[in-house]
Amino acid sequence: MINKSVPSLKNCQVELHKNQAEILYTNSQIVSCEGGKLGSSHPLVYLNMGEKDFVICPYCSKFFTTNKTKN
């Protein structure tokens, strides 16, 4: 059974930095990812940040975080 309360990429704010690393800001400790760009998608995965404020997708390396502080 799929938990519909898990935010998808469309519910995250996206920011690109100079090195083109994608950082997605979210309000949830659990996120879902399925790649995104045509040809570079991957199976839908659910990622749990646990006690951290970030998680990195093992397939596409997207960086999801609840920390909105910018360096």
Protein backbone atom coordinates (compact mmCIF):
# COMPACT_ATOMS: atom_id res chain seq x y z
CA MET A 1 0.00 0.00 0.00
CA ILE A 2 1.39 3.40 -0.98
CA ASN A 3 1.39 6.11 1.67
CA LYS A 4 -0.01 9.17 -0.11
CA SER A 5 1.22 11.50 2.63
CA VAL A 6 4.83 11.15 1.44
CA PRO A 7 5.71 14.24 -0.60
CA SER A 8 6.82 13.77 -4.18
CA LEU A 9 9.28 15.90 -6.09
CA LYS A 10 6.53 18.29 -7.14
CA ASN A 11 6.05 19.29 -3.48
CA CYS A 12 9.71 20.22 -2.96
CA GLN A 13 11.48 23.48 -3.65
CA VAL A 14 14.40 22.93 -6.04
CA GLU A 15 17.65 24.84 -6.09
CA LEU A 16 20.61 24.39 -8.44
CA HIS A 17 24.09 25.44 -7.41
CA LYS A 18 27.16 26.23 -9.51
CA ASN A 19 28.14 22.57 -9.69
CA GLN A 20 24.57 21.71 -10.80
CA ALA A 21 23.95 19.56 -7.71
CA GLU A 22 20.21 19.47 -7.18
CA ILE A 23 19.03 20.35 -3.68
CA LEU A 24 15.38 19.80 -2.85
CA TYR A 25 13.91 21.42 0.28
CA THR A 26 11.02 19.63 1.96
CA ASN A 27 9.05 19.76 5.21
CA SER A 28 8.98 15.97 5.58
CA GLN A 29 11.57 13.52 6.91
CA ILE A 30 10.37 10.97 4.33
CA VAL A 31 10.54 11.74 0.61
CA SER A 32 10.01 9.86 -2.63
CA CYS A 33 12.20 10.02 -5.73
CA GLU A 34 11.95 8.55 -9.21
CA GLY A 35 14.66 10.47 -11.00
CA GLY A 36 12.80 13.01 -13.01
CA LYS A 37 14.42 13.86 -16.31
CA LEU A 38 13.35 11.81 -19.30
CA GLY A 39 15.84 9.00 -19.87
CA SER A 40 17.37 9.32 -16.40
CA SER A 41 14.46 8.14 -14.30
CA HIS A 42 14.74 5.22 -11.92
CA PRO A 43 12.37 3.05 -9.87
CA LEU A 44 10.27 4.93 -7.31
CA VAL A 45 12.06 4.86 -3.95
CA TYR A 46 11.08 6.21 -0.55
CA LEU A 47 13.91 7.73 1.46
CA ASN A 48 13.85 8.36 5.20
CA MET A 49 16.13 11.01 6.71
CA GLY A 50 15.95 9.40 10.14
CA GLU A 51 17.61 11.70 12.68
CA LYS A 52 19.50 13.66 10.00
CA ASP A 53 18.22 16.73 8.16
CA PHE A 54 19.06 15.32 4.72
CA VAL A 55 19.08 12.21 2.56
CA ILE A 56 20.68 11.51 -0.84
CA CYS A 57 18.98 9.34 -3.44
CA PRO A 58 21.19 6.30 -4.12
CA TYR A 59 20.11 6.22 -7.77
CA CYS A 60 20.35 9.82 -8.97
CA SER A 61 22.17 11.60 -6.11
CA LYS A 62 19.44 14.20 -5.58
CA PHE A 63 19.94 15.85 -2.20
CA PHE A 64 16.79 16.24 -0.10
CA THR A 65 16.94 18.41 3.02
CA THR A 66 14.75 20.03 5.65
CA ASN A 67 17.52 22.54 6.41
CA LYS A 68 16.80 25.79 4.59
CA THR A 69 19.98 27.51 5.80
CA LYS A 70 22.25 28.42 2.90
CA ASN A 71 26.03 28.62 3.26
